[in-house]
Amino acid sequence: MPDTPQHHDVLIVGGGNAGISLAARLLRDGAPDVAVVESRPVHRYRPLLNYVGGGEATMASLSRPADRVVPEGCTALRDEVVAVDPSGPSVETRSGRRLTGTTLVVCPGLDEDWDATPGLREAYASGWAASTFDDDTAAGVWPALRGVRSGRVVFTVPPEPAPCGATALKPLFMACDHWRRVGVLPYVDVSGGALRKQVAVLAPNLLAARTGGPMAHYDGYTVMPITTARRRLMLVEVDRDGRPRPSVPFPDLTVPRAVTWWVDRYALPQVYWRRILRGRV
């Protein structure tokens, strides 16, 4: 006879920003039983990866043990989901367990498809390419850029579904600012946060779906912080159709400022660890 599946009221697949902040918000809103399935032992604040690529942060500064960010009262299941049955709803894990939930939320993040671009895997292996979207190579981006004195450097902005693709411009502008300061920019040919509001809509909608209550609407808002120099940053806030959606009436956050850079580099990581992952924002 097959083993009895492990059941939870809300079962969340993925323990990244989305999964952890949603679990915390649901528990604060009174959900009685929330479980998160995540296989990775380390949780990372991914917006800082671009600062690693620009020489302004280290991998250690954006990493925490995954168990430390699981909200109190949440069941943490250290396993990898290999199959999802939405009709159950249920999932199967690599260890052979079957997990069921009254409500199933799937937010596992993305895996790189290295074979989608011919030669990309070989370029990474040989050191000709690196990415601030890749945990394994992000730390090598800045040493490679810092040592350039002439030649051509190609920067690419990843298309969707890569998150906040425009933030890939951060290392580009920080590198150009560095080359300008050391006097080699003329010789270099350069080619070239939204989840907080999503959780605030999704969490009450999951509960409203059970009670028949009104559903909230999400307009596709996204925010893209872009560093234009070593200590200056602009914020671009738009809706799903690309129309401006500023979160404050003034000042104009699309104007690069040092204070905006400081908030993005130092204040927002603390908001992430202390409030967003605890369901308080």
C-alpha atoms as a PDB file:
ATOM      1  CA  MET A   1       0.000   0.000   0.000  1.00  0.00           C
ATOM      2  CA  PRO A   2       1.461   3.414  -0.918  1.00  0.00           C
ATOM      3  CA  ASP A   3       2.589   5.755   1.827  1.00  0.00           C
ATOM      4  CA  THR A   4       0.023   8.286   3.004  1.00  0.00           C
ATOM      5  CA  PRO A   5       0.869  11.678   1.467  1.00  0.00           C
ATOM      6  CA  GLN A   6       1.895  14.522   3.746  1.00  0.00           C
ATOM      7  CA  HIS A   7      -0.816  17.184   3.663  1.00  0.00           C
ATOM      8  CA  HIS A   8      -0.683  20.923   4.378  1.00  0.00           C
ATOM      9  CA  ASP A   9      -3.315  23.637   4.182  1.00  0.00           C
ATOM     10  CA  VAL A  10      -1.071  25.797   1.939  1.00  0.00           C
ATOM     11  CA  LEU A  11       1.801  24.109   0.104  1.00  0.00           C
ATOM     12  CA  ILE A  12       4.349  26.446  -1.500  1.00  0.00           C
ATOM     13  CA  VAL A  13       6.902  25.155  -4.004  1.00  0.00           C
ATOM     14  CA  GLY A  14       9.993  27.361  -3.874  1.00  0.00           C
ATOM     15  CA  GLY A  15      11.735  29.080  -0.979  1.00  0.00           C
ATOM     16  CA  GLY A  16      13.028  32.171  -2.732  1.00  0.00           C
ATOM     17  CA  ASN A  17      11.788  35.730  -2.267  1.00  0.00           C
ATOM     18  CA  ALA A  18       8.280  34.871  -3.485  1.00  0.00           C
ATOM     19  CA  GLY A  19       7.818  31.672  -1.497  1.00  0.00           C
ATOM     20  CA  ILE A  20       9.209  32.903   1.820  1.00  0.00           C
ATOM     21  CA  SER A  21       7.541  36.322   1.809  1.00  0.00           C
ATOM     22  CA  LEU A  22       4.199  34.771   0.801  1.00  0.00           C
ATOM     23  CA  ALA A  23       4.443  32.140   3.544  1.00  0.00           C
ATOM     24  CA  ALA A  24       5.180  34.830   6.130  1.00  0.00           C
ATOM     25  CA  ARG A  25       2.297  37.005   4.954  1.00  0.00           C
ATOM     26  CA  LEU A  26      -0.164  34.084   4.991  1.00  0.00           C
ATOM     27  CA  LEU A  27       0.855  33.103   8.519  1.00  0.00           C
ATOM     28  CA  ARG A  28       0.471  36.698   9.707  1.00  0.00           C
ATOM     29  CA  ASP A  29      -2.988  36.754   8.096  1.00  0.00           C
ATOM     30  CA  GLY A  30      -4.031  33.654  10.041  1.00  0.00           C
ATOM     31  CA  ALA A  31      -3.353  30.713   7.726  1.00  0.00           C
ATOM     32  CA  PRO A  32      -3.194  27.668  10.054  1.00  0.00           C
ATOM     33  CA  ASP A  33      -0.693  25.449   8.227  1.00  0.00           C
ATOM     34  CA  VAL A  34       1.859  26.614   5.635  1.00  0.00           C
ATOM     35  CA  ALA A  35       4.711  24.524   4.227  1.00  0.00           C
ATOM     36  CA  VAL A  36       7.530  25.536   1.862  1.00  0.00           C
ATOM     37  CA  VAL A  37       9.451  23.027  -0.281  1.00  0.00           C
ATOM     38  CA  GLU A  38      12.959  24.185  -1.193  1.00  0.00           C
ATOM     39  CA  SER A  39      16.072  22.165  -2.049  1.00  0.00           C
ATOM     40  CA  ARG A  40      18.750  24.859  -1.911  1.00  0.00           C
ATOM     41  CA  PRO A  41      20.565  25.318   1.421  1.00  0.00           C
ATOM     42  CA  VAL A  42      21.350  29.011   0.796  1.00  0.00           C
ATOM     43  CA  HIS A  43      18.914  31.906   0.348  1.00  0.00           C
ATOM     44  CA  ARG A  44      20.198  34.919  -1.608  1.00  0.00           C
ATOM     45  CA  TYR A  45      19.016  38.504  -1.948  1.00  0.00           C
ATOM     46  CA  ARG A  46      19.330  38.458  -5.716  1.00  0.00           C
ATOM     47  CA  PRO A  47      19.115  42.224  -6.433  1.00  0.00           C
ATOM     48  CA  LEU A  48      22.617  42.553  -4.947  1.00  0.00           C
ATOM     49  CA  LEU A  49      24.089  40.200  -7.581  1.00  0.00           C
ATOM     50  CA  ASN A  50      24.451  43.144  -9.952  1.00  0.00           C
ATOM     51  CA  TYR A  51      26.400  44.986  -7.259  1.00  0.00           C
ATOM     52  CA  VAL A  52      28.682  41.950  -7.006  1.00  0.00           C
ATOM     53  CA  GLY A  53      29.193  42.277 -10.757  1.00  0.00           C
ATOM     54  CA  GLY A  54      30.063  45.945 -10.269  1.00  0.00           C
ATOM     55  CA  GLY A  55      32.518  45.389  -7.424  1.00  0.00           C
ATOM     56  CA  GLU A  56      30.247  46.944  -4.800  1.00  0.00           C
ATOM     57  CA  ALA A  57      29.201  43.801  -2.871  1.00  0.00           C
ATOM     58  CA  THR A  58      30.341  40.252  -2.136  1.00  0.00           C
ATOM     59  CA  MET A  59      28.442  36.964  -2.437  1.00  0.00           C
ATOM     60  CA  ALA A  60      28.645  36.574   1.347  1.00  0.00           C
ATOM     61  CA  SER A  61      26.829  39.894   1.864  1.00  0.00           C
ATOM     62  CA  LEU A  62      23.716  38.682   0.024  1.00  0.00           C
ATOM     63  CA  SER A  63      23.563  35.120   1.353  1.00  0.00           C
ATOM     64  CA  ARG A  64      21.893  33.550   4.397  1.00  0.00           C
ATOM     65  CA  PRO A  65      21.339  29.913   5.406  1.00  0.00           C
ATOM     66  CA  ALA A  66      17.929  28.965   4.003  1.00  0.00           C
ATOM     67  CA  ASP A  67      16.677  27.667   7.359  1.00  0.00           C
ATOM     68  CA  ARG A  68      17.247  31.088   8.953  1.00  0.00           C
ATOM     69  CA  VAL A  69      14.779  32.887   6.672  1.00  0.00           C
ATOM     70  CA  VAL A  70      11.877  30.431   7.090  1.00  0.00           C
ATOM     71  CA  PRO A  71       9.170  32.283   9.071  1.00  0.00           C
ATOM     72  CA  GLU A  72       8.196  31.036  12.508  1.00  0.00           C
ATOM     73  CA  GLY A  73       5.336  28.543  12.308  1.00  0.00           C
ATOM     74  CA  CYS A  74       6.150  27.501   8.726  1.00  0.00           C
ATOM     75  CA  THR A  75       7.062  23.890   7.898  1.00  0.00           C
ATOM     76  CA  ALA A  76      10.313  23.771   5.895  1.00  0.00           C
ATOM     77  CA  LEU A  77      10.721  20.738   3.634  1.00  0.00           C
ATOM     78  CA  ARG A  78      14.278  20.403   2.289  1.00  0.00           C
ATOM     79  CA  ASP A  79      13.560  18.551  -0.951  1.00  0.00           C
ATOM     80  CA  GLU A  80      13.216  19.149  -4.699  1.00  0.00           C
ATOM     81  CA  VAL A  81       9.879  18.990  -6.491  1.00  0.00           C
ATOM     82  CA  VAL A  82      10.092  16.964  -9.724  1.00  0.00           C
ATOM     83  CA  ALA A  83       6.402  16.727 -10.691  1.00  0.00           C
ATOM     84  CA  VAL A  84       3.264  18.806 -10.057  1.00  0.00           C
ATOM     85  CA  ASP A  85      -0.334  17.592 -10.304  1.00  0.00           C
ATOM     86  CA  PRO A  86      -2.597  20.663 -10.213  1.00  0.00           C
ATOM     87  CA  SER A  87      -5.741  18.514 -10.121  1.00  0.00           C
ATOM     88  CA  GLY A  88      -4.776  17.077  -6.700  1.00  0.00           C
ATOM     89  CA  PRO A  89      -3.296  19.412  -5.974  1.00  0.00           C
ATOM     90  CA  SER A  90      -0.118  17.498  -5.131  1.00  0.00           C
ATOM     91  CA  VAL A  91       3.595  17.297  -5.906  1.00  0.00           C
ATOM     92  CA  GLU A  92       6.200  14.556  -6.034  1.00  0.00           C
ATOM     93  CA  THR A  93       9.719  15.151  -4.727  1.00  0.00           C
ATOM     94  CA  ARG A  94      13.078  13.754  -5.728  1.00  0.00           C
ATOM     95  CA  SER A  95      13.223  11.739  -2.503  1.00  0.00           C
ATOM     96  CA  GLY A  96       9.973   9.964  -3.474  1.00  0.00           C
ATOM     97  CA  ARG A  97       7.558  11.795  -1.181  1.00  0.00           C
ATOM     98  CA  ARG A  98       4.087  12.868  -2.265  1.00  0.00           C
ATOM     99  CA  LEU A  99       2.878  16.133  -0.757  1.00  0.00           C
ATOM    100  CA  THR A 100      -0.663  17.480  -0.993  1.00  0.00           C
ATOM    101  CA  GLY A 101      -2.198  20.830  -0.167  1.00  0.00           C
ATOM    102  CA  THR A 102      -5.611  22.402   0.039  1.00  0.00           C
ATOM    103  CA  THR A 103      -4.004  25.303  -1.831  1.00  0.00           C
ATOM    104  CA  LEU A 104      -0.895  24.850  -3.972  1.00  0.00           C
ATOM    105  CA  VAL A 105       1.394  27.780  -4.903  1.00  0.00           C
ATOM    106  CA  VAL A 106       4.167  27.148  -7.434  1.00  0.00           C
ATOM    107  CA  CYS A 107       7.038  29.692  -7.477  1.00  0.00           C
ATOM    108  CA  PRO A 108      10.247  27.669  -7.933  1.00  0.00           C
ATOM    109  CA  GLY A 109      12.286  30.258  -9.806  1.00  0.00           C
ATOM    110  CA  LEU A 110      14.275  29.615 -12.986  1.00  0.00           C
ATOM    111  CA  ASP A 111      17.019  27.246 -14.077  1.00  0.00           C
ATOM    112  CA  GLU A 112      19.515  28.259 -16.764  1.00  0.00           C
ATOM    113  CA  ASP A 113      19.097  26.604 -20.171  1.00  0.00           C
ATOM    114  CA  TRP A 114      22.740  26.677 -21.249  1.00  0.00           C
ATOM    115  CA  ASP A 115      22.043  24.797 -24.484  1.00  0.00           C
ATOM    116  CA  ALA A 116      19.532  27.370 -25.762  1.00  0.00           C
ATOM    117  CA  THR A 117      22.417  29.503 -27.077  1.00  0.00           C
ATOM    118  CA  PRO A 118      25.037  27.500 -29.023  1.00  0.00           C
ATOM    119  CA  GLY A 119      28.487  27.931 -27.524  1.00  0.00           C
ATOM    120  CA  LEU A 120      27.285  29.613 -24.323  1.00  0.00           C
ATOM    121  CA  ARG A 121      28.213  26.746 -22.018  1.00  0.00           C
ATOM    122  CA  GLU A 122      31.708  26.610 -23.520  1.00  0.00           C
ATOM    123  CA  ALA A 123      32.112  30.399 -23.200  1.00  0.00           C
ATOM    124  CA  TYR A 124      31.313  30.262 -19.504  1.00  0.00           C
ATOM    125  CA  ALA A 125      33.605  27.282 -18.955  1.00  0.00           C
ATOM    126  CA  SER A 126      36.533  29.025 -20.677  1.00  0.00           C
ATOM    127  CA  GLY A 127      36.034  32.323 -18.831  1.00  0.00           C
ATOM    128  CA  TRP A 128      34.986  34.378 -21.858  1.00  0.00           C
ATOM    129  CA  ALA A 129      31.516  34.953 -20.420  1.00  0.00           C
ATOM    130  CA  ALA A 130      30.018  35.558 -16.981  1.00  0.00           C
ATOM    131  CA  SER A 131      26.673  36.762 -15.675  1.00  0.00           C
ATOM    132  CA  THR A 132      25.307  38.611 -12.687  1.00  0.00           C
ATOM    133  CA  PHE A 133      22.182  36.453 -13.046  1.00  0.00           C
ATOM    134  CA  ASP A 134      24.218  33.294 -12.401  1.00  0.00           C
ATOM    135  CA  ASP A 135      25.262  32.545  -8.814  1.00  0.00           C
ATOM    136  CA  ASP A 136      28.289  30.526  -9.903  1.00  0.00           C
ATOM    137  CA  THR A 137      29.889  33.209 -12.107  1.00  0.00           C
ATOM    138  CA  ALA A 138      28.666  36.539 -10.680  1.00  0.00           C
ATOM    139  CA  ALA A 139      31.750  36.906  -8.469  1.00  0.00           C
ATOM    140  CA  GLY A 140      34.000  36.713 -11.530  1.00  0.00           C
ATOM    141  CA  VAL A 141      32.330  39.558 -13.429  1.00  0.00           C
ATOM    142  CA  TRP A 142      34.030  42.486 -11.704  1.00  0.00           C
ATOM    143  CA  PRO A 143      37.604  41.112 -11.720  1.00  0.00           C
ATOM    144  CA  ALA A 144      37.235  40.546 -15.459  1.00  0.00           C
ATOM    145  CA  LEU A 145      35.831  44.041 -16.121  1.00  0.00           C
ATOM    146  CA  ARG A 146      38.251  45.822 -13.797  1.00  0.00           C
ATOM    147  CA  GLY A 147      41.257  44.472 -15.676  1.00  0.00           C
ATOM    148  CA  VAL A 148      40.118  45.628 -19.130  1.00  0.00           C
ATOM    149  CA  ARG A 149      42.299  48.373 -20.630  1.00  0.00           C
ATOM    150  CA  SER A 150      41.284  48.156 -24.289  1.00  0.00           C
ATOM    151  CA  GLY A 151      39.236  46.075 -26.719  1.00  0.00           C
ATOM    152  CA  ARG A 152      35.557  45.227 -26.974  1.00  0.00           C
ATOM    153  CA  VAL A 153      33.230  44.252 -24.129  1.00  0.00           C
ATOM    154  CA  VAL A 154      29.715  43.030 -24.946  1.00  0.00           C
ATOM    155  CA  PHE A 155      26.946  43.448 -22.368  1.00  0.00           C
ATOM    156  CA  THR A 156      23.570  41.794 -22.890  1.00  0.00           C
ATOM    157  CA  VAL A 157      20.174  42.446 -21.272  1.00  0.00           C
ATOM    158  CA  PRO A 158      18.346  39.136 -20.812  1.00  0.00           C
ATOM    159  CA  PRO A 159      14.763  38.907 -22.101  1.00  0.00           C
ATOM    160  CA  GLU A 160      11.832  37.660 -20.070  1.00  0.00           C
ATOM    161  CA  PRO A 161      11.311  35.484 -18.144  1.00  0.00           C
ATOM    162  CA  ALA A 162      14.593  36.635 -16.582  1.00  0.00           C
ATOM    163  CA  PRO A 163      13.643  38.921 -13.651  1.00  0.00           C
ATOM    164  CA  CYS A 164      14.331  42.665 -13.985  1.00  0.00           C
ATOM    165  CA  GLY A 165      16.470  42.263 -17.085  1.00  0.00           C
ATOM    166  CA  ALA A 166      17.170  45.992 -17.299  1.00  0.00           C
ATOM    167  CA  THR A 167      19.134  45.824 -14.033  1.00  0.00           C
ATOM    168  CA  ALA A 168      21.857  44.073 -16.057  1.00  0.00           C
ATOM    169  CA  LEU A 169      22.766  47.640 -17.052  1.00  0.00           C
ATOM    170  CA  LYS A 170      24.169  48.185 -13.548  1.00  0.00           C
ATOM    171  CA  PRO A 171      27.525  46.462 -14.217  1.00  0.00           C
ATOM    172  CA  LEU A 172      27.712  48.166 -17.630  1.00  0.00           C
ATOM    173  CA  PHE A 173      27.431  51.679 -16.213  1.00  0.00           C
ATOM    174  CA  MET A 174      29.615  50.930 -13.182  1.00  0.00           C
ATOM    175  CA  ALA A 175      32.292  49.451 -15.458  1.00  0.00           C
ATOM    176  CA  CYS A 176      32.178  52.474 -17.752  1.00  0.00           C
ATOM    177  CA  ASP A 177      32.478  54.777 -14.753  1.00  0.00           C
ATOM    178  CA  HIS A 178      35.516  52.786 -13.556  1.00  0.00           C
ATOM    179  CA  TRP A 179      37.163  52.889 -16.996  1.00  0.00           C
ATOM    180  CA  ARG A 180      36.493  56.642 -17.145  1.00  0.00           C
ATOM    181  CA  ARG A 181      38.134  57.203 -13.759  1.00  0.00           C
ATOM    182  CA  VAL A 182      41.255  55.208 -14.680  1.00  0.00           C
ATOM    183  CA  GLY A 183      41.482  56.899 -18.076  1.00  0.00           C
ATOM    184  CA  VAL A 184      40.913  53.955 -20.438  1.00  0.00           C
ATOM    185  CA  LEU A 185      37.275  54.443 -21.461  1.00  0.00           C
ATOM    186  CA  PRO A 186      38.215  55.872 -24.932  1.00  0.00           C
ATOM    187  CA  TYR A 187      40.034  52.606 -25.666  1.00  0.00           C
ATOM    188  CA  VAL A 188      37.153  50.303 -24.705  1.00  0.00           C
ATOM    189  CA  ASP A 189      34.401  49.551 -27.224  1.00  0.00           C
ATOM    190  CA  VAL A 190      31.227  48.892 -25.200  1.00  0.00           C
ATOM    191  CA  SER A 191      28.320  47.154 -26.944  1.00  0.00           C
ATOM    192  CA  GLY A 192      25.469  46.737 -25.621  1.00  0.00           C
ATOM    193  CA  GLY A 193      11.237  44.986  -7.268  1.00  0.00           C
ATOM    194  CA  ALA A 194       7.745  44.471  -7.750  1.00  0.00           C
ATOM    195  CA  LEU A 195       7.380  41.273  -5.698  1.00  0.00           C
ATOM    196  CA  ARG A 196       6.471  43.268  -2.591  1.00  0.00           C
ATOM    197  CA  LYS A 197       3.266  44.468  -4.274  1.00  0.00           C
ATOM    198  CA  GLN A 198       2.562  41.072  -5.847  1.00  0.00           C
ATOM    199  CA  VAL A 199       2.539  39.327  -2.465  1.00  0.00           C
ATOM    200  CA  ALA A 200       0.232  42.009  -1.048  1.00  0.00           C
ATOM    201  CA  VAL A 201      -2.296  41.026  -3.746  1.00  0.00           C
ATOM    202  CA  LEU A 202      -1.746  37.253  -3.876  1.00  0.00           C
ATOM    203  CA  ALA A 203      -1.921  36.504  -0.147  1.00  0.00           C
ATOM    204  CA  PRO A 204      -5.444  37.915   0.444  1.00  0.00           C
ATOM    205  CA  ASN A 205      -6.607  36.505  -2.902  1.00  0.00           C
ATOM    206  CA  LEU A 206      -5.722  32.961  -1.801  1.00  0.00           C
ATOM    207  CA  LEU A 207      -7.926  33.364   1.256  1.00  0.00           C
ATOM    208  CA  ALA A 208     -10.687  35.151  -0.695  1.00  0.00           C
ATOM    209  CA  ALA A 209     -10.804  32.284  -3.194  1.00  0.00           C
ATOM    210  CA  ARG A 210     -11.924  29.962  -0.386  1.00  0.00           C
ATOM    211  CA  THR A 211     -14.566  32.255   1.039  1.00  0.00           C
ATOM    212  CA  GLY A 212     -15.947  33.722  -2.178  1.00  0.00           C
ATOM    213  CA  GLY A 213     -14.771  37.199  -1.225  1.00  0.00           C
ATOM    214  CA  PRO A 214     -13.738  39.920  -3.691  1.00  0.00           C
ATOM    215  CA  MET A 215     -10.445  39.434  -5.514  1.00  0.00           C
ATOM    216  CA  ALA A 216      -7.787  42.156  -5.641  1.00  0.00           C
ATOM    217  CA  HIS A 217      -6.187  43.132  -8.972  1.00  0.00           C
ATOM    218  CA  TYR A 218      -2.483  43.446  -9.800  1.00  0.00           C
ATOM    219  CA  ASP A 219      -1.635  45.916 -12.569  1.00  0.00           C
ATOM    220  CA  GLY A 220       1.785  44.502 -13.480  1.00  0.00           C
ATOM    221  CA  TYR A 221       3.803  47.115 -11.571  1.00  0.00           C
ATOM    222  CA  THR A 222       7.560  46.592 -11.663  1.00  0.00           C
ATOM    223  CA  VAL A 223      10.540  48.629 -10.525  1.00  0.00           C
ATOM    224  CA  MET A 224      13.988  48.583 -12.141  1.00  0.00           C
ATOM    225  CA  PRO A 225      16.892  50.147 -10.203  1.00  0.00           C
ATOM    226  CA  ILE A 226      19.663  51.098 -12.660  1.00  0.00           C
ATOM    227  CA  THR A 227      23.074  52.282 -11.467  1.00  0.00           C
ATOM    228  CA  THR A 228      24.335  54.944 -13.862  1.00  0.00           C
ATOM    229  CA  ALA A 229      27.690  55.483 -12.125  1.00  0.00           C
ATOM    230  CA  ARG A 230      29.641  54.133  -9.186  1.00  0.00           C
ATOM    231  CA  ARG A 231      27.510  56.003  -6.635  1.00  0.00           C
ATOM    232  CA  ARG A 232      24.423  57.149  -8.568  1.00  0.00           C
ATOM    233  CA  LEU A 233      21.208  55.281  -9.335  1.00  0.00           C
ATOM    234  CA  MET A 234      17.827  55.860 -10.999  1.00  0.00           C
ATOM    235  CA  LEU A 235      14.546  54.018 -10.389  1.00  0.00           C
ATOM    236  CA  VAL A 236      12.232  53.186 -13.289  1.00  0.00           C
ATOM    237  CA  GLU A 237       8.689  52.248 -12.166  1.00  0.00           C
ATOM    238  CA  VAL A 238       6.177  51.098 -14.794  1.00  0.00           C
ATOM    239  CA  ASP A 239       2.986  49.068 -15.128  1.00  0.00           C
ATOM    240  CA  ARG A 240       2.365  46.069 -17.393  1.00  0.00           C
ATOM    241  CA  ASP A 241       2.053  48.312 -20.459  1.00  0.00           C
ATOM    242  CA  GLY A 242       5.223  50.283 -19.751  1.00  0.00           C
ATOM    243  CA  ARG A 243       3.413  53.372 -18.465  1.00  0.00           C
ATOM    244  CA  PRO A 244       5.133  55.274 -15.623  1.00  0.00           C
ATOM    245  CA  ARG A 245       3.905  54.266 -12.145  1.00  0.00           C
ATOM    246  CA  PRO A 246       5.897  56.393  -9.674  1.00  0.00           C
ATOM    247  CA  SER A 247       5.406  55.291  -6.073  1.00  0.00           C
ATOM    248  CA  VAL A 248       5.980  58.817  -4.713  1.00  0.00           C
ATOM    249  CA  PRO A 249       4.885  62.153  -6.230  1.00  0.00           C
ATOM    250  CA  PHE A 250       8.345  63.685  -5.737  1.00  0.00           C
ATOM    251  CA  PRO A 251      11.244  63.716  -6.218  1.00  0.00           C
ATOM    252  CA  ASP A 252      11.574  62.369  -9.745  1.00  0.00           C
ATOM    253  CA  LEU A 253      13.218  58.971  -9.115  1.00  0.00           C
ATOM    254  CA  THR A 254      14.264  58.626 -12.758  1.00  0.00           C
ATOM    255  CA  VAL A 255      16.923  61.291 -12.097  1.00  0.00           C
ATOM    256  CA  PRO A 256      20.136  59.533 -10.956  1.00  0.00           C
ATOM    257  CA  ARG A 257      21.019  60.432  -7.358  1.00  0.00           C
ATOM    258  CA  ALA A 258      23.551  59.336  -4.752  1.00  0.00           C
ATOM    259  CA  VAL A 259      20.862  58.951  -2.079  1.00  0.00           C
ATOM    260  CA  THR A 260      18.855  56.590  -4.308  1.00  0.00           C
ATOM    261  CA  TRP A 261      21.997  54.500  -4.808  1.00  0.00           C
ATOM    262  CA  TRP A 262      22.514  54.338  -1.030  1.00  0.00           C
ATOM    263  CA  VAL A 263      18.919  53.225  -0.457  1.00  0.00           C
ATOM    264  CA  ASP A 264      19.183  50.496  -3.120  1.00  0.00           C
ATOM    265  CA  ARG A 265      22.591  49.257  -1.970  1.00  0.00           C
ATOM    266  CA  TYR A 266      22.220  49.422   1.816  1.00  0.00           C
ATOM    267  CA  ALA A 267      18.666  50.185   2.976  1.00  0.00           C
ATOM    268  CA  LEU A 268      16.642  47.853   0.737  1.00  0.00           C
ATOM    269  CA  PRO A 269      18.644  44.720   1.666  1.00  0.00           C
ATOM    270  CA  GLN A 270      17.765  45.367   5.318  1.00  0.00           C
ATOM    271  CA  VAL A 271      14.096  45.875   4.383  1.00  0.00           C
ATOM    272  CA  TYR A 272      14.266  42.547   2.523  1.00  0.00           C
ATOM    273  CA  TRP A 273      15.752  40.495   5.383  1.00  0.00           C
ATOM    274  CA  ARG A 274      13.860  42.186   8.219  1.00  0.00           C
ATOM    275  CA  ARG A 275      10.442  42.966   6.723  1.00  0.00           C
ATOM    276  CA  ILE A 276       9.662  41.503   3.270  1.00  0.00           C
ATOM    277  CA  LEU A 277      10.682  37.938   4.181  1.00  0.00           C
ATOM    278  CA  ARG A 278       8.679  38.272   7.396  1.00  0.00           C
ATOM    279  CA  GLY A 279       5.484  39.311   5.631  1.00  0.00           C
ATOM    280  CA  ARG A 280       5.494  42.817   7.074  1.00  0.00           C
ATOM    281  CA  VAL A 281       5.540  44.807   3.824  1.00  0.00           C
END
